[in-house]
């Protein structure tokens, strides 16, 4: 209710201001050198892409890793709880109502005494601790992604209106090292996850791509899958939230047009996206041949819809 009142007041009292994206990437405690390197590479790749590929302002991107001296031009600070708290204080002072905030945790996790933990140098980050950091961001859309083992323990405590929570595991009981992070970062920083071929990768597309790649990894290794990703999204935000900044596409392009014809085309596209999401959600209840046929039909219709939007001078 408070969010709606604040946004309504701003729309009446001030000229429209474009929403901005903000990204906080945290690479936690690696332990072994191979994991330290892996987490570092994933964090730097995502933070770099946010600025160079997706157009987020440099001052809106925060990157914390275990060893910031390895890339001081990209990494802001060491990934301690104290430094993370300081980053959120700066972030809270910068954001405006309607902005998008993405928080990505890359590293190891654990589950002890009924509580999940994201492992940091020094004190760990817990769901209750992260909830306190996120509490001031009630006028923003927030995406929280944890690629860590046992990260499912963060899902329920942090889920809520205006938030998308993605975790590499379904609960705190899945404690083995995950491969989710590698594929999720790939999904966000390349076009392989762009199913509808609109030049952008939504959080939903990144999630769907990553879960498929994780399954393929375990199948190719002939191993029992020990991680099962989870997505909490009460407001169905994941399909329309993108890491792109202003001028790089994104959901706000749809709502900016006063052209009734374009508005109708955008609405039809959203309907197709909803149908695709519903179909994917019920995949396990449909025969594989029927699922593939229905998905192909919907994706073709979506591609044609995007062509119609292009022809009408709209943005994808």
Protein backbone atom coordinates (compact mmCIF):
# COMPACT_ATOMS: atom_id res chain seq x y z
CA UNK A 1 0.00 0.00 0.00
CA UNK A 2 2.81 2.41 0.90
CA UNK A 3 4.52 1.74 -2.44
CA UNK A 4 1.33 2.54 -4.38
CA UNK A 5 0.76 5.79 -2.46
CA UNK A 6 4.34 6.99 -2.97
CA UNK A 7 4.35 6.20 -6.70
CA UNK A 8 0.96 7.85 -7.23
CA UNK A 9 2.10 10.99 -5.44
CA UNK A 10 5.27 11.19 -7.51
CA UNK A 11 3.36 10.80 -10.77
CA UNK A 12 1.13 13.73 -9.84
CA UNK A 13 3.77 15.97 -8.30
CA UNK A 14 6.78 15.53 -10.60
CA UNK A 15 7.66 14.91 -14.25
CA UNK A 16 8.25 11.27 -15.18
CA UNK A 17 11.81 10.11 -14.49
CA UNK A 18 13.14 6.99 -16.18
CA UNK A 19 13.67 4.07 -13.84
CA UNK A 20 17.26 2.99 -13.38
CA UNK A 21 18.85 -0.38 -12.77
CA UNK A 22 21.26 -1.09 -9.91
CA UNK A 23 23.39 -4.20 -9.51
CA UNK A 24 25.16 -5.60 -6.46
CA UNK A 25 27.37 -8.62 -7.21
CA UNK A 26 28.99 -10.47 -4.33
CA UNK A 27 31.53 -13.27 -4.74
CA UNK A 28 31.82 -14.94 -1.36
CA UNK A 29 34.48 -17.01 0.35
CA UNK A 30 36.01 -19.42 -2.16
CA UNK A 31 38.06 -21.68 0.06
CA UNK A 32 39.91 -23.72 -2.56
CA UNK A 33 41.79 -21.70 -5.21
CA UNK A 34 39.68 -23.21 -8.00
CA UNK A 35 36.46 -21.92 -6.44
CA UNK A 36 38.02 -18.58 -5.56
CA UNK A 37 38.96 -18.15 -9.22
CA UNK A 38 35.59 -19.36 -10.45
CA UNK A 39 33.59 -17.04 -8.21
CA UNK A 40 35.86 -14.11 -9.06
CA UNK A 41 35.48 -14.67 -12.81
CA UNK A 42 31.70 -14.94 -12.62
CA UNK A 43 31.34 -11.79 -10.51
CA UNK A 44 33.64 -9.72 -12.72
CA UNK A 45 31.97 -10.96 -15.92
CA UNK A 46 28.53 -9.97 -14.66
CA UNK A 47 29.60 -6.59 -13.27
CA UNK A 48 31.50 -5.74 -16.46
CA UNK A 49 28.58 -6.74 -18.70
CA UNK A 50 26.21 -4.60 -16.64
CA UNK A 51 28.14 -1.48 -17.65
CA UNK A 52 29.50 -2.28 -21.10
CA UNK A 53 26.70 -4.45 -22.49
CA UNK A 54 23.57 -3.39 -20.62
CA UNK A 55 24.23 0.29 -20.06
CA UNK A 56 23.92 0.54 -16.28
CA UNK A 57 25.62 3.62 -14.92
CA UNK A 58 29.03 2.81 -13.41
CA UNK A 59 27.98 4.32 -10.10
CA UNK A 60 25.00 1.93 -10.00
CA UNK A 61 27.16 -1.21 -10.18
CA UNK A 62 28.79 -2.60 -7.04
CA UNK A 63 31.12 -5.59 -7.15
CA UNK A 64 32.58 -7.23 -4.04
CA UNK A 65 34.91 -10.23 -4.12
CA UNK A 66 37.27 -12.08 -1.82
CA UNK A 67 40.36 -10.51 -3.40
CA UNK A 68 39.53 -7.09 -4.89
CA UNK A 69 43.19 -6.42 -5.72
CA UNK A 70 42.88 -8.86 -8.63
CA UNK A 71 40.79 -6.36 -10.63
CA UNK A 72 40.60 -2.99 -8.87
CA UNK A 73 39.00 -1.31 -11.88
CA UNK A 74 35.91 -3.53 -11.61
CA UNK A 75 35.85 -4.61 -7.97
CA UNK A 76 34.92 -2.07 -5.32
CA UNK A 77 35.69 -3.78 -2.03
CA UNK A 78 36.35 -7.07 -0.28
CA UNK A 79 33.20 -9.12 0.20
CA UNK A 80 32.88 -8.82 3.95
CA UNK A 81 29.57 -8.35 5.74
CA UNK A 82 30.71 -4.92 6.90
CA UNK A 83 31.49 -3.80 3.36
CA UNK A 84 28.26 -5.27 2.02
CA UNK A 85 26.32 -3.33 4.64
CA UNK A 86 28.13 -0.15 3.57
CA UNK A 87 27.24 -0.82 -0.09
CA UNK A 88 23.56 -1.18 0.77
CA UNK A 89 23.67 2.11 2.66
CA UNK A 90 25.03 3.81 -0.46
CA UNK A 91 22.51 2.01 -2.64
CA UNK A 92 19.59 3.02 -0.45
CA UNK A 93 20.66 6.65 -0.69
CA UNK A 94 20.83 6.48 -4.51
CA UNK A 95 17.71 4.58 -5.55
CA UNK A 96 14.44 6.23 -6.50
CA UNK A 97 10.93 4.79 -6.39
CA UNK A 98 10.37 2.52 -9.38
CA UNK A 99 14.07 1.65 -9.84
CA UNK A 100 15.17 -1.97 -10.29
CA UNK A 101 17.70 -3.52 -7.91
CA UNK A 102 19.50 -6.76 -8.74
CA UNK A 103 21.48 -8.59 -6.05
CA UNK A 104 23.52 -11.61 -7.13
CA UNK A 105 25.32 -13.80 -4.58
CA UNK A 106 27.98 -16.12 -6.02
CA UNK A 107 29.76 -18.61 -3.82
CA UNK A 108 29.38 -21.28 -1.17
CA UNK A 109 26.46 -21.67 1.21
CA UNK A 110 25.70 -23.71 4.28
CA UNK A 111 22.77 -24.62 6.51
CA UNK A 112 23.28 -24.83 10.26
CA UNK A 113 20.91 -24.77 13.22
CA UNK A 114 17.94 -24.33 10.90
CA UNK A 115 19.36 -21.22 9.22
CA UNK A 116 20.90 -20.69 5.82
CA UNK A 117 24.21 -18.91 5.39
CA UNK A 118 26.05 -17.35 2.48
CA UNK A 119 29.73 -17.73 3.25
CA UNK A 120 31.73 -14.50 3.36
CA UNK A 121 35.23 -13.65 4.62
CA UNK A 122 34.47 -13.16 8.30
CA UNK A 123 30.84 -13.31 9.51
CA UNK A 124 28.42 -14.98 7.08
CA UNK A 125 25.31 -13.43 5.56
CA UNK A 126 22.03 -14.95 6.80
CA UNK A 127 18.51 -14.59 5.41
CA UNK A 128 17.51 -12.38 8.34
CA UNK A 129 20.59 -10.22 7.82
CA UNK A 130 19.88 -9.82 4.12
CA UNK A 131 16.24 -9.04 4.86
CA UNK A 132 17.37 -6.11 6.99
CA UNK A 133 19.57 -4.82 4.18
CA UNK A 134 16.69 -5.07 1.69
CA UNK A 135 14.09 -3.57 4.00
CA UNK A 136 14.51 0.05 2.85
CA UNK A 137 13.95 -1.00 -0.79
CA UNK A 138 10.17 -1.26 -0.57
CA UNK A 139 9.57 1.24 -3.39
CA UNK A 140 11.77 -0.66 -5.85
CA UNK A 141 11.50 -3.92 -7.77
CA UNK A 142 14.13 -6.27 -6.34
CA UNK A 143 15.66 -9.37 -7.89
CA UNK A 144 17.71 -11.54 -5.55
CA UNK A 145 19.74 -14.40 -7.00
CA UNK A 146 21.83 -16.78 -4.89
CA UNK A 147 23.84 -19.36 -6.79
CA UNK A 148 25.21 -20.96 -3.62
CA UNK A 149 24.67 -24.39 -2.15
CA UNK A 150 21.87 -24.48 0.46
CA UNK A 151 20.61 -21.19 -1.00
CA UNK A 152 17.02 -22.44 -0.98
CA UNK A 153 16.95 -21.48 2.69
CA UNK A 154 16.91 -17.84 1.55
CA UNK A 155 13.82 -18.19 -0.66
CA UNK A 156 10.87 -18.07 1.72
CA UNK A 157 12.29 -15.51 4.20
CA UNK A 158 13.01 -13.05 1.39
CA UNK A 159 10.09 -13.60 -0.99
CA UNK A 160 7.33 -11.01 -1.18
CA UNK A 161 5.53 -8.42 -3.33
CA UNK A 162 7.80 -6.56 -5.69
CA UNK A 163 10.51 -9.20 -5.44
CA UNK A 164 11.87 -12.07 -7.48
CA UNK A 165 13.98 -14.59 -5.57
CA UNK A 166 16.03 -17.17 -7.47
CA UNK A 167 18.03 -19.82 -5.63
CA UNK A 168 20.23 -22.61 -6.94
CA UNK A 169 18.66 -25.15 -4.58
CA UNK A 170 15.12 -25.84 -3.45
CA UNK A 171 16.03 -25.88 0.25
CA UNK A 172 18.85 -25.57 2.74
CA UNK A 173 19.23 -29.33 2.68
CA UNK A 174 20.81 -29.39 -0.79
CA UNK A 175 24.32 -28.62 0.40
CA UNK A 176 26.58 -29.92 -2.38
CA UNK A 177 28.52 -27.47 -4.53
CA UNK A 178 26.32 -26.14 -7.33
CA UNK A 179 26.93 -25.49 -11.03
CA UNK A 180 23.98 -23.10 -11.24
CA UNK A 181 26.10 -19.93 -11.01
CA UNK A 182 28.21 -20.61 -14.07
CA UNK A 183 25.18 -21.13 -16.27
CA UNK A 184 23.17 -18.25 -14.82
CA UNK A 185 25.96 -15.76 -15.45
CA UNK A 186 26.29 -17.15 -18.99
CA UNK A 187 22.54 -16.72 -19.47
CA UNK A 188 22.64 -13.06 -18.47
CA UNK A 189 25.80 -12.13 -20.36
CA UNK A 190 25.15 -13.89 -23.69
CA UNK A 191 22.18 -14.31 -26.05
CA UNK A 192 21.85 -18.09 -25.66
CA UNK A 193 18.97 -17.70 -23.22
CA UNK A 194 17.03 -15.25 -25.43
CA UNK A 195 14.25 -17.68 -26.33
CA UNK A 196 11.90 -15.16 -27.91
CA UNK A 197 14.76 -13.56 -29.88
CA UNK A 198 13.90 -10.02 -28.83
CA UNK A 199 17.50 -9.08 -28.10
CA UNK A 200 17.06 -9.15 -24.34
CA UNK A 201 17.29 -11.80 -21.63
CA UNK A 202 14.70 -11.59 -18.87
CA UNK A 203 15.23 -13.06 -15.43
CA UNK A 204 12.67 -15.73 -16.34
CA UNK A 205 14.54 -16.62 -19.53
CA UNK A 206 17.83 -16.76 -17.62
CA UNK A 207 16.26 -19.03 -15.02
CA UNK A 208 14.74 -21.38 -17.61
CA UNK A 209 18.01 -21.57 -19.54
CA UNK A 210 20.01 -22.27 -16.41
CA UNK A 211 17.76 -25.03 -15.10
CA UNK A 212 17.99 -26.78 -18.48
CA UNK A 213 21.78 -26.50 -18.56
CA UNK A 214 22.08 -27.77 -14.99
CA UNK A 215 20.00 -30.83 -15.90
CA UNK A 216 22.16 -31.43 -18.97
CA UNK A 217 25.32 -31.20 -16.89
CA UNK A 218 24.25 -33.91 -14.48
CA UNK A 219 22.96 -36.10 -17.30
CA UNK A 220 26.21 -35.77 -19.26
CA UNK A 221 28.23 -36.60 -16.13
CA UNK A 222 25.91 -39.52 -15.37
CA UNK A 223 25.47 -38.13 -11.86
CA UNK A 224 22.47 -37.83 -9.57
CA UNK A 225 21.29 -34.23 -9.65
CA UNK A 226 21.91 -32.71 -6.23
CA UNK A 227 20.63 -29.18 -6.92
CA UNK A 228 17.15 -28.12 -7.98
CA UNK A 229 16.64 -24.42 -8.59
CA UNK A 230 13.76 -22.43 -7.19
CA UNK A 231 12.01 -19.24 -8.28
CA UNK A 232 9.71 -17.20 -6.04
CA UNK A 233 7.82 -14.54 -8.00
CA UNK A 234 4.50 -13.42 -6.52
CA UNK A 235 3.93 -10.63 -9.03
CA UNK A 236 5.14 -12.42 -12.16
CA UNK A 237 7.92 -9.87 -12.48
CA UNK A 238 10.60 -12.26 -13.73
CA UNK A 239 9.35 -12.28 -17.32
CA UNK A 240 9.50 -8.48 -17.65
CA UNK A 241 12.61 -7.60 -15.64
CA UNK A 242 15.87 -7.19 -17.56
CA UNK A 243 19.33 -6.11 -16.51
CA UNK A 244 19.40 -3.58 -19.35
CA UNK A 245 19.68 0.07 -18.51
CA UNK A 246 17.82 2.99 -20.09
CA UNK A 247 18.15 2.96 -23.87
CA UNK A 248 18.99 -0.74 -23.98
CA UNK A 249 15.43 -2.10 -24.17
CA UNK A 250 13.47 -3.39 -21.23
CA UNK A 251 9.90 -3.57 -20.04
CA UNK A 252 9.58 0.18 -19.58
CA UNK A 253 9.64 0.62 -23.38
CA UNK A 254 6.19 -0.94 -23.57
CA UNK A 255 4.59 1.39 -21.11
CA UNK A 256 6.13 4.56 -22.58
CA UNK A 257 4.08 4.54 -25.81
CA UNK A 258 0.89 6.59 -26.23
CA UNK A 259 0.16 4.92 -29.57
CA UNK A 260 -3.03 2.80 -29.18
CA UNK A 261 -1.92 0.44 -31.95
CA UNK A 262 1.42 -0.19 -30.28
CA UNK A 263 -0.24 -0.58 -26.90
CA UNK A 264 -2.46 -3.30 -28.39
CA UNK A 265 0.55 -5.06 -29.91
CA UNK A 266 2.41 -4.93 -26.61
CA UNK A 267 -0.62 -6.33 -24.78
CA UNK A 268 -0.87 -9.20 -27.27
CA UNK A 269 2.81 -9.96 -26.77
CA UNK A 270 2.42 -10.02 -23.00
CA UNK A 271 -0.46 -12.47 -23.43
CA UNK A 272 1.74 -14.76 -25.52
CA UNK A 273 4.54 -14.52 -22.95
CA UNK A 274 2.07 -15.47 -20.24
CA UNK A 275 0.92 -18.48 -22.28
CA UNK A 276 4.53 -19.60 -22.76
CA UNK A 277 5.21 -19.23 -19.05
CA UNK A 278 2.08 -21.22 -18.17
CA UNK A 279 3.00 -23.94 -20.65
CA UNK A 280 6.51 -24.26 -19.24
CA UNK A 281 5.21 -24.39 -15.69
CA UNK A 282 3.03 -27.39 -16.61
CA UNK A 283 5.64 -29.16 -18.72
CA UNK A 284 5.75 -32.24 -16.51
CA UNK A 285 2.02 -32.82 -16.97
CA UNK A 286 2.13 -32.81 -20.79
CA UNK A 287 3.36 -35.45 -23.20
CA UNK A 288 6.80 -34.42 -24.55
CA UNK A 289 5.62 -34.35 -28.18
CA UNK A 290 2.61 -32.18 -27.35
CA UNK A 291 4.72 -29.84 -25.20
CA UNK A 292 7.27 -29.34 -27.99
CA UNK A 293 4.54 -28.70 -30.55
CA UNK A 294 2.69 -26.19 -28.38
CA UNK A 295 5.90 -24.39 -27.43
CA UNK A 296 7.01 -24.15 -31.05
CA UNK A 297 3.65 -22.69 -32.06
CA UNK A 298 3.71 -20.07 -29.31
CA UNK A 299 7.32 -19.09 -29.99
CA UNK A 300 6.52 -18.65 -33.68
CA UNK A 301 3.53 -16.46 -32.82
CA UNK A 302 5.75 -14.46 -30.46
CA UNK A 303 8.39 -13.96 -33.16
CA UNK A 304 5.70 -12.74 -35.57
CA UNK A 305 4.34 -10.42 -32.90
CA UNK A 306 7.80 -8.93 -32.42
CA UNK A 307 8.03 -8.35 -36.17
CA UNK A 308 4.70 -6.51 -36.05
CA UNK A 309 6.00 -4.34 -33.21
CA UNK A 310 9.12 -3.55 -35.24
CA UNK A 311 7.03 -2.64 -38.28
CA UNK A 312 4.91 -0.30 -36.14
CA UNK A 313 8.02 1.48 -34.89
CA UNK A 314 7.97 -0.03 -31.43
CA UNK A 315 10.82 -1.40 -29.31
CA UNK A 316 11.43 -5.00 -28.46
